[in-house]
Amino acid sequence: MNITNAPAWLAIALCMLAAHAGAQPAGETLRLWGGAQAPQGNVVEIGEQGVRIVRADGVALTLDWSVVKDVTGRRAQEFDPLRETAQRVWRAETRLARGDHVNAEPLFETLFDRYRTSGGATSSLVARGLLTCRLRSGASARAIAPWLGVLLAEGFTPENAPGAFADTLIDPATGLVPMLAPVWLADDEGAWLARTGVSPAMSESVEGVSLRARLRALEGMYTLAARFEIDPANADAVRRDLDELVAGLDPRTLREPGVQLVFEIVVSRVGAPEARASARASLRSRLGQGDPPAWREAWIRLALGRSMLVEPDAETQRRGVVELLHVPARLGAAPPRLAGIALAEAAVASKRLGDAVAGESLRRELLDRYPGVAPTRWAPIRDWDAAPALGAATRDTAPSLARRLPTRRDP
């Protein structure tokens, strides 16, 4: 039928009928895992992200491929090319749900290669699954790509976050992962990130305030933070690359809560002296703004302490150690990796500053409280006896930093 000259309302109605011509009741078309009943409504689309259903009230929903076991009837042939992928999604999610992240991770990795650059229900599930596996295994550097994949799949913006990100993996106000601070040591994790980066798909050249621009900014800052730790002799090159990255960002992107916090943390460690001081001032002002959650205060305290450790004077470094010790001493809800980094850095700095007793005490606390975290394998901690202290302070000749553990909120 030619609808060119039909009334507007009739043309719209005919288009809608044509779009739903292949629709079937979900209950007659879908078989779900576990014998669950399909939602009420009509199946209108079967594709990469799952099965799209429109209810009688016009509300659309998508069942991802961890839910749908089979498609029958007239639409079965649309499912056939996706059957193997759908079963792999279901298998990966099932393993993760029963706590088997070791065997779930390889499946999610294969699926992530397919879904990492697209948005939708199954893309979100796959990215979240891989992020969970890598965080549980302590693969922090490799967790960055699936984290950014979640933001891409779910279309994260600061405006939609409070409703869409009410979970324990991702902070709804910033889109950041509390367990995944932009803080690295000169270890295998940092070396992998500095050498490999995050993902070609995340590294596209983008402009403006698009979602991909946010992801590009975050990816770049995390990678540059690792490069600084692995190759401090080339700090000037890292600073130039950071300046170039920031110069290419729309100022509105840099002002977004998550991007801005990461930027301040990275600059406080990587930047030139004046930039480090300015970043520390910005971070410290955050501590006076209400009562930040424990993970965010841990990020800030860790950043302040590590920033002070790269300053040349010994007194600033000692104050940096005290900042670091806020994390294990006061912030019990802080991620173990961050508490471990704080103790490791404080131990090594104490020893370097001549307080060998405090250094050994902090190192022992690290090994006893956090035996499995990556900082315990950091070379200065692992090869402790091979690096003598640079001073000769003892409990009798200098106040031990171990006795200066913070016990109260002190911004």
Protein backbone atom coordinates (compact mmCIF):
# COMPACT_ATOMS: atom_id res chain seq x y z
CA MET A 1 0.00 0.00 0.00
CA ASN A 2 1.24 3.48 -0.86
CA ILE A 3 0.83 5.63 2.24
CA THR A 4 2.45 8.78 0.85
CA ASN A 5 -0.84 10.69 0.65
CA ALA A 6 -2.51 9.10 3.70
CA PRO A 7 -3.34 11.20 6.78
CA ALA A 8 -0.44 11.55 9.20
CA TRP A 9 -2.08 9.48 11.95
CA LEU A 10 -2.82 6.64 9.51
CA ALA A 11 0.73 6.66 8.17
CA ILE A 12 2.12 6.39 11.69
CA ALA A 13 -0.27 3.58 12.58
CA LEU A 14 0.61 1.61 9.46
CA CYS A 15 4.33 2.03 10.14
CA MET A 16 3.88 0.74 13.67
CA LEU A 17 1.92 -2.26 12.40
CA ALA A 18 4.65 -3.00 9.88
CA ALA A 19 7.32 -2.79 12.57
CA HIS A 20 5.45 -5.26 14.74
CA ALA A 21 4.26 -7.55 11.98
CA GLY A 22 6.55 -10.31 13.17
CA ALA A 23 5.68 -9.88 16.84
CA GLN A 24 4.72 -12.95 18.84
CA PRO A 25 3.53 -13.33 22.43
CA ALA A 26 6.61 -13.85 24.60
CA GLY A 27 5.01 -16.72 26.47
CA GLU A 28 4.60 -18.67 23.23
CA THR A 29 8.00 -17.79 21.81
CA LEU A 30 10.54 -17.91 24.62
CA ARG A 31 11.85 -20.61 26.92
CA LEU A 32 13.77 -19.20 29.86
CA TRP A 33 16.42 -20.87 31.97
CA GLY A 34 15.20 -22.47 35.18
CA GLY A 35 11.67 -22.84 33.86
CA ALA A 36 10.87 -19.19 34.56
CA GLN A 37 7.84 -17.63 32.89
CA ALA A 38 8.43 -15.11 30.12
CA PRO A 39 7.15 -11.58 30.82
CA GLN A 40 3.79 -10.59 29.40
CA GLY A 41 4.14 -8.89 26.05
CA ASN A 42 5.17 -9.40 22.45
CA VAL A 43 8.61 -10.26 21.15
CA VAL A 44 9.50 -7.54 18.65
CA GLU A 45 13.25 -8.04 18.16
CA ILE A 46 15.89 -10.75 18.54
CA GLY A 47 19.48 -9.56 18.25
CA GLU A 48 22.95 -9.29 19.72
CA GLN A 49 21.76 -7.83 23.01
CA GLY A 50 18.95 -10.32 23.63
CA VAL A 51 15.20 -10.40 23.14
CA ARG A 52 13.22 -7.17 23.09
CA ILE A 53 9.67 -7.35 24.42
CA VAL A 54 6.96 -4.68 24.32
CA ARG A 55 4.29 -4.99 26.98
CA ALA A 56 0.64 -4.10 26.47
CA ASP A 57 1.21 -0.73 28.14
CA GLY A 58 3.89 0.11 25.57
CA VAL A 59 6.85 -0.33 27.93
CA ALA A 60 9.79 -2.09 26.28
CA LEU A 61 12.29 -4.33 28.05
CA THR A 62 15.20 -6.49 26.91
CA LEU A 63 16.00 -9.94 28.24
CA ASP A 64 19.75 -10.48 27.99
CA TRP A 65 21.20 -13.79 26.82
CA SER A 66 21.80 -15.11 30.33
CA VAL A 67 18.02 -15.42 30.70
CA VAL A 68 16.77 -16.82 27.38
CA LYS A 69 17.28 -20.56 26.82
CA ASP A 70 15.52 -20.98 23.49
CA VAL A 71 13.29 -19.28 20.92
CA THR A 72 10.56 -21.29 19.24
CA GLY A 73 7.95 -20.74 16.58
CA ARG A 74 8.30 -18.43 13.61
CA ARG A 75 11.26 -16.55 15.10
CA ALA A 76 13.39 -19.58 15.88
CA GLN A 77 15.57 -19.02 12.82
CA GLU A 78 16.54 -15.56 14.11
CA PHE A 79 17.91 -17.18 17.24
CA ASP A 80 19.92 -19.92 15.58
CA PRO A 81 22.98 -17.76 14.69
CA LEU A 82 23.03 -16.46 18.27
CA ARG A 83 22.43 -19.74 20.07
CA GLU A 84 26.07 -20.56 20.82
CA THR A 85 26.79 -17.04 22.09
CA ALA A 86 23.66 -17.06 24.25
CA GLN A 87 24.63 -20.36 25.83
CA ARG A 88 28.14 -19.06 26.55
CA VAL A 89 26.67 -15.96 28.24
CA TRP A 90 24.42 -18.15 30.38
CA ARG A 91 27.29 -20.46 31.30
CA ALA A 92 29.58 -17.56 32.29
CA GLU A 93 26.91 -15.89 34.42
CA THR A 94 25.98 -19.20 36.08
CA ARG A 95 29.58 -19.87 37.07
CA LEU A 96 29.98 -16.38 38.46
CA ALA A 97 26.72 -16.63 40.41
CA ARG A 98 27.96 -19.75 42.19
CA GLY A 99 31.24 -18.04 43.08
CA ASP A 100 33.45 -19.69 40.47
CA HIS A 101 35.09 -16.56 39.08
CA VAL A 102 38.19 -18.50 38.03
CA ASN A 103 36.30 -20.51 35.42
CA ALA A 104 33.86 -17.73 34.59
CA GLU A 105 36.60 -15.28 33.63
CA PRO A 106 37.80 -16.99 30.40
CA LEU A 107 34.22 -17.11 29.12
CA PHE A 108 33.64 -13.44 29.92
CA GLU A 109 36.94 -12.53 28.26
CA THR A 110 35.90 -14.15 24.98
CA LEU A 111 32.47 -12.52 25.16
CA PHE A 112 33.95 -9.12 26.01
CA ASP A 113 35.94 -9.14 22.77
CA ARG A 114 32.58 -9.29 20.99
CA TYR A 115 30.55 -6.91 23.16
CA ARG A 116 33.05 -4.33 24.39
CA THR A 117 32.22 -1.56 21.91
CA SER A 118 28.42 -1.70 22.00
CA GLY A 119 25.69 -0.69 24.41
CA GLY A 120 22.84 -2.81 25.66
CA ALA A 121 21.72 -5.45 28.12
CA THR A 122 24.11 -8.26 27.23
CA SER A 123 27.06 -5.88 26.75
CA SER A 124 26.44 -4.60 30.27
CA LEU A 125 26.17 -8.08 31.76
CA VAL A 126 29.38 -9.25 30.06
CA ALA A 127 31.39 -6.17 31.09
CA ARG A 128 30.14 -6.36 34.67
CA GLY A 129 30.91 -10.06 34.82
CA LEU A 130 34.48 -9.60 33.61
CA LEU A 131 34.98 -6.60 35.93
CA THR A 132 33.83 -8.69 38.90
CA CYS A 133 36.14 -11.58 38.00
CA ARG A 134 39.18 -9.39 37.62
CA LEU A 135 38.56 -7.48 40.83
CA ARG A 136 38.16 -10.74 42.73
CA SER A 137 41.42 -12.09 41.31
CA GLY A 138 43.29 -8.86 42.10
CA ALA A 139 43.98 -8.05 38.43
CA SER A 140 43.45 -4.32 38.92
CA ALA A 141 45.11 -3.10 35.72
CA ARG A 142 43.13 -5.56 33.62
CA ALA A 143 39.92 -4.51 35.36
CA ILE A 144 40.03 -1.05 33.78
CA ALA A 145 38.80 -2.16 30.34
CA PRO A 146 35.65 -3.93 31.58
CA TRP A 147 34.93 -1.04 33.96
CA LEU A 148 34.99 1.37 31.02
CA GLY A 149 32.98 -1.23 29.10
CA VAL A 150 30.23 -1.03 31.73
CA LEU A 151 30.09 2.75 31.45
CA LEU A 152 29.89 2.48 27.67
CA ALA A 153 27.29 -0.30 27.65
CA GLU A 154 25.02 1.50 30.11
CA GLY A 155 25.55 4.98 28.69
CA PHE A 156 26.86 6.45 31.94
CA THR A 157 26.50 10.17 32.52
CA PRO A 158 26.59 12.03 35.86
CA GLU A 159 22.90 12.79 35.33
CA ASN A 160 21.63 9.24 34.86
CA ALA A 161 24.01 7.60 37.36
CA PRO A 162 21.96 7.70 40.59
CA GLY A 163 19.20 5.59 39.07
CA ALA A 164 21.26 3.31 36.87
CA PHE A 165 24.25 2.54 39.07
CA ALA A 166 22.77 1.64 42.46
CA ASP A 167 25.17 -1.23 43.05
CA THR A 168 28.33 -2.08 44.96
CA LEU A 169 30.73 -2.22 42.01
CA ILE A 170 30.44 1.32 40.67
CA ASP A 171 29.92 4.52 42.62
CA PRO A 172 26.71 6.16 41.36
CA ALA A 173 27.90 9.72 41.87
CA THR A 174 31.13 9.44 39.89
CA GLY A 175 31.08 6.27 37.79
CA LEU A 176 34.33 5.21 39.52
CA VAL A 177 35.09 1.79 40.96
CA PRO A 178 36.03 2.18 44.65
CA MET A 179 38.42 -0.78 44.44
CA LEU A 180 40.17 0.67 41.37
CA ALA A 181 42.03 3.85 42.29
CA PRO A 182 44.41 5.46 39.75
CA VAL A 183 47.32 4.48 42.00
CA TRP A 184 50.07 2.07 40.93
CA LEU A 185 53.36 0.71 42.16
CA ALA A 186 56.40 -0.20 40.09
CA ASP A 187 55.27 -3.83 39.96
CA ASP A 188 53.84 -6.28 37.44
CA GLU A 189 50.41 -4.63 37.47
CA GLY A 190 51.79 -1.18 36.79
CA ALA A 191 54.20 -2.51 34.16
CA TRP A 192 51.41 -4.30 32.29
CA LEU A 193 49.26 -1.17 32.17
CA ALA A 194 52.15 1.10 31.18
CA ARG A 195 53.16 -1.26 28.38
CA THR A 196 49.77 -2.39 27.09
CA GLY A 197 47.30 0.37 27.85
CA VAL A 198 43.63 -0.40 28.17
CA SER A 199 42.06 -1.11 24.82
CA PRO A 200 42.21 0.13 21.23
CA ALA A 201 38.43 0.37 21.30
CA MET A 202 38.63 2.76 24.23
CA SER A 203 41.40 4.84 22.69
CA GLU A 204 39.59 6.39 19.76
CA SER A 205 40.24 10.05 19.16
CA VAL A 206 37.09 11.80 20.36
CA GLU A 207 36.06 15.35 21.07
CA GLY A 208 33.43 17.25 22.99
CA VAL A 209 31.62 15.89 26.03
CA SER A 210 30.57 12.55 24.60
CA LEU A 211 30.69 9.40 26.66
CA ARG A 212 33.68 8.18 24.67
CA ALA A 213 35.50 11.42 25.52
CA ARG A 214 35.03 10.65 29.22
CA LEU A 215 36.29 7.12 28.73
CA ARG A 216 39.29 8.33 26.76
CA ALA A 217 40.17 10.80 29.52
CA LEU A 218 39.94 8.15 32.25
CA GLU A 219 41.88 5.57 30.27
CA GLY A 220 44.65 8.06 29.52
CA MET A 221 45.03 9.23 33.12
CA TYR A 222 45.14 5.71 34.55
CA THR A 223 47.75 4.68 31.99
CA LEU A 224 49.93 7.75 32.52
CA ALA A 225 49.86 7.20 36.28
CA ALA A 226 51.30 3.72 35.69
CA ARG A 227 53.92 4.97 33.24
CA PHE A 228 55.19 7.45 35.81
CA GLU A 229 55.78 4.70 38.37
CA ILE A 230 57.44 2.30 35.93
CA ASP A 231 59.72 4.84 34.27
CA PRO A 232 60.30 7.82 36.60
CA ALA A 233 63.35 8.88 34.58
CA ASN A 234 60.94 9.92 31.83
CA ALA A 235 58.65 11.91 34.11
CA ASP A 236 58.85 14.95 31.83
CA ALA A 237 57.50 12.92 28.90
CA VAL A 238 54.62 11.68 31.05
CA ARG A 239 53.81 15.25 32.06
CA ARG A 240 53.82 16.39 28.44
CA ASP A 241 51.47 13.57 27.49
CA LEU A 242 49.17 14.44 30.39
CA ASP A 243 49.13 18.10 29.32
CA GLU A 244 48.31 17.05 25.77
CA LEU A 245 45.50 14.78 26.96
CA VAL A 246 43.95 17.52 29.08
CA ALA A 247 44.33 20.13 26.34
CA GLY A 248 42.22 17.95 24.06
CA LEU A 249 39.35 17.66 26.54
CA ASP A 250 36.31 19.86 26.61
CA PRO A 251 36.47 21.75 29.95
CA ARG A 252 33.05 20.36 30.84
CA THR A 253 34.44 16.83 30.69
CA LEU A 254 37.29 17.73 33.02
CA ARG A 255 34.79 19.20 35.51
CA GLU A 256 32.72 16.02 35.75
CA PRO A 257 33.02 14.56 39.28
CA GLY A 258 34.77 11.29 38.42
CA VAL A 259 37.12 12.71 35.81
CA GLN A 260 38.06 15.65 38.04
CA LEU A 261 38.88 13.45 41.05
CA VAL A 262 41.07 11.14 38.95
CA PHE A 263 42.81 14.15 37.40
CA GLU A 264 43.65 15.68 40.77
CA ILE A 265 44.99 12.37 42.10
CA VAL A 266 47.17 11.74 39.05
CA VAL A 267 48.54 15.30 38.93
CA SER A 268 49.33 15.24 42.65
CA ARG A 269 51.85 12.49 41.93
CA VAL A 270 52.85 13.01 38.28
CA GLY A 271 52.81 16.79 37.92
CA ALA A 272 55.59 19.35 38.22
CA PRO A 273 56.16 20.79 41.74
CA GLU A 274 53.68 23.67 41.37
CA ALA A 275 51.05 21.41 39.86
CA ARG A 276 51.51 18.84 42.62
CA ALA A 277 51.03 21.49 45.29
CA SER A 278 47.89 22.81 43.59
CA ALA A 279 46.44 19.33 43.24
CA ARG A 280 47.12 18.56 46.91
CA ALA A 281 45.31 21.75 47.89
CA SER A 282 42.29 20.70 45.82
CA LEU A 283 42.31 17.21 47.29
CA ARG A 284 42.62 18.51 50.83
CA SER A 285 39.66 20.84 50.29
CA ARG A 286 37.57 17.79 49.45
CA LEU A 287 38.16 16.43 52.95
CA GLY A 288 36.47 19.50 54.38
CA GLN A 289 33.39 19.14 52.21
CA GLY A 290 31.03 17.07 54.31
CA ASP A 291 31.74 13.46 55.16
CA PRO A 292 33.08 11.59 52.12
CA PRO A 293 32.57 7.82 51.93
CA ALA A 294 35.46 5.75 53.25
CA TRP A 295 36.65 4.67 49.82
CA ARG A 296 36.85 8.26 48.57
CA GLU A 297 38.70 9.47 51.64
CA ALA A 298 41.07 6.52 51.21
CA TRP A 299 41.78 7.61 47.62
CA ILE A 300 42.44 11.19 48.78
CA ARG A 301 44.62 10.28 51.76
CA LEU A 302 46.61 7.86 49.64
CA ALA A 303 47.08 10.48 46.94
CA LEU A 304 48.15 13.15 49.43
CA GLY A 305 50.66 10.86 51.11
CA ARG A 306 52.20 9.55 47.90
CA SER A 307 52.40 13.07 46.52
CA MET A 308 54.33 14.23 49.56
CA LEU A 309 56.74 11.31 49.23
CA VAL A 310 58.03 12.66 45.91
CA GLU A 311 58.85 16.04 47.44
CA PRO A 312 62.55 16.62 48.24
CA ASP A 313 62.44 17.59 51.92
CA ALA A 314 62.34 14.97 54.65
CA GLU A 315 59.73 16.70 56.80
CA THR A 316 57.19 16.78 53.96
CA GLN A 317 57.87 13.10 53.36
CA ARG A 318 57.27 12.32 57.05
CA ARG A 319 53.94 14.15 56.90
CA GLY A 320 53.19 12.11 53.81
CA VAL A 321 53.70 8.91 55.78
CA VAL A 322 51.18 10.12 58.36
CA GLU A 323 48.65 10.79 55.57
CA LEU A 324 49.19 7.27 54.25
CA LEU A 325 48.58 5.74 57.66
CA HIS A 326 45.09 7.20 57.83
CA VAL A 327 44.04 4.50 55.37
CA PRO A 328 44.88 1.33 57.36
CA ALA A 329 44.40 2.96 60.77
CA ARG A 330 41.03 4.71 60.36
CA LEU A 331 39.36 3.71 57.14
CA GLY A 332 38.45 0.11 57.82
CA ALA A 333 36.07 0.00 54.87
CA ALA A 334 38.79 1.03 52.43
CA PRO A 335 39.62 -1.51 49.69
CA PRO A 336 42.41 -3.90 50.86
CA ARG A 337 44.59 -3.04 47.86
CA LEU A 338 44.63 0.63 48.86
CA ALA A 339 45.37 -0.12 52.51
CA GLY A 340 48.15 -2.41 51.32
CA ILE A 341 49.68 0.26 49.10
CA ALA A 342 49.50 2.76 51.96
CA LEU A 343 51.32 0.43 54.35
CA ALA A 344 53.89 -0.59 51.74
CA GLU A 345 54.72 3.00 50.80
CA ALA A 346 54.79 4.06 54.47
CA ALA A 347 57.10 1.19 55.39
CA VAL A 348 59.57 1.90 52.59
CA ALA A 349 59.53 5.66 53.22
CA SER A 350 60.08 5.17 56.95
CA LYS A 351 63.09 2.99 56.28
CA ARG A 352 64.45 5.45 53.74
CA LEU A 353 64.05 8.30 56.25
CA GLY A 354 66.10 6.40 58.82
CA ASP A 355 63.34 4.97 61.01
CA ALA A 356 64.13 1.30 60.39
CA VAL A 357 62.09 0.16 63.41
CA ALA A 358 58.95 1.87 62.12
CA GLY A 359 59.58 0.57 58.62
CA GLU A 360 59.85 -3.03 59.77
CA SER A 361 56.78 -2.67 61.98
CA LEU A 362 54.69 -1.34 59.09
CA ARG A 363 56.00 -3.99 56.72
CA ARG A 364 55.04 -6.71 59.20
CA GLU A 365 51.58 -5.20 59.59
CA LEU A 366 51.18 -5.26 55.81
CA LEU A 367 52.17 -8.92 55.56
CA ASP A 368 49.99 -9.94 58.50
CA ARG A 369 46.83 -7.97 57.65
CA TYR A 370 46.87 -8.18 53.85
CA PRO A 371 48.86 -11.30 52.92
CA GLY A 372 47.40 -11.72 49.45
CA VAL A 373 47.41 -8.19 48.07
CA ALA A 374 49.75 -7.11 45.27
CA PRO A 375 51.79 -4.62 47.39
CA THR A 376 53.23 -7.55 49.36
CA ARG A 377 54.99 -8.56 46.13
CA TRP A 378 56.36 -5.07 45.43
CA ALA A 379 60.16 -5.38 45.15
CA PRO A 380 61.06 -3.01 48.04
CA ILE A 381 58.79 -5.06 50.34
CA ARG A 382 59.71 -8.47 48.95
CA ASP A 383 63.47 -7.77 49.00
CA TRP A 384 63.36 -5.81 52.25
CA ASP A 385 66.70 -6.91 53.67
CA ALA A 386 68.53 -6.13 50.43
CA ALA A 387 67.90 -2.39 50.76
CA PRO A 388 69.45 -0.90 53.91
CA ALA A 389 68.02 2.17 55.59
CA LEU A 390 69.64 5.45 54.66
CA GLY A 391 69.80 6.62 58.26
CA ALA A 392 70.54 5.14 61.65
CA ALA A 393 67.51 6.22 63.65
CA THR A 394 66.20 3.89 66.36
CA ARG A 395 63.49 4.13 68.97
CA ASP A 396 66.02 5.82 71.27
CA THR A 397 67.19 8.47 68.81
CA ALA A 398 64.11 9.42 66.77
CA PRO A 399 60.32 9.38 67.24
CA SER A 400 58.95 6.33 65.46
CA LEU A 401 56.43 6.99 62.73
CA ALA A 402 54.71 3.77 63.76
CA ARG A 403 53.60 5.57 66.94
CA ARG A 404 52.03 8.38 64.90
CA LEU A 405 49.17 6.34 63.49
CA PRO A 406 46.14 8.62 63.07
CA THR A 407 43.27 7.83 65.41
CA ARG A 408 40.74 10.53 64.50
CA ARG A 409 39.44 12.49 61.57
CA ASP A 410 41.97 15.21 60.88
CA PRO A 411 41.56 16.85 57.48
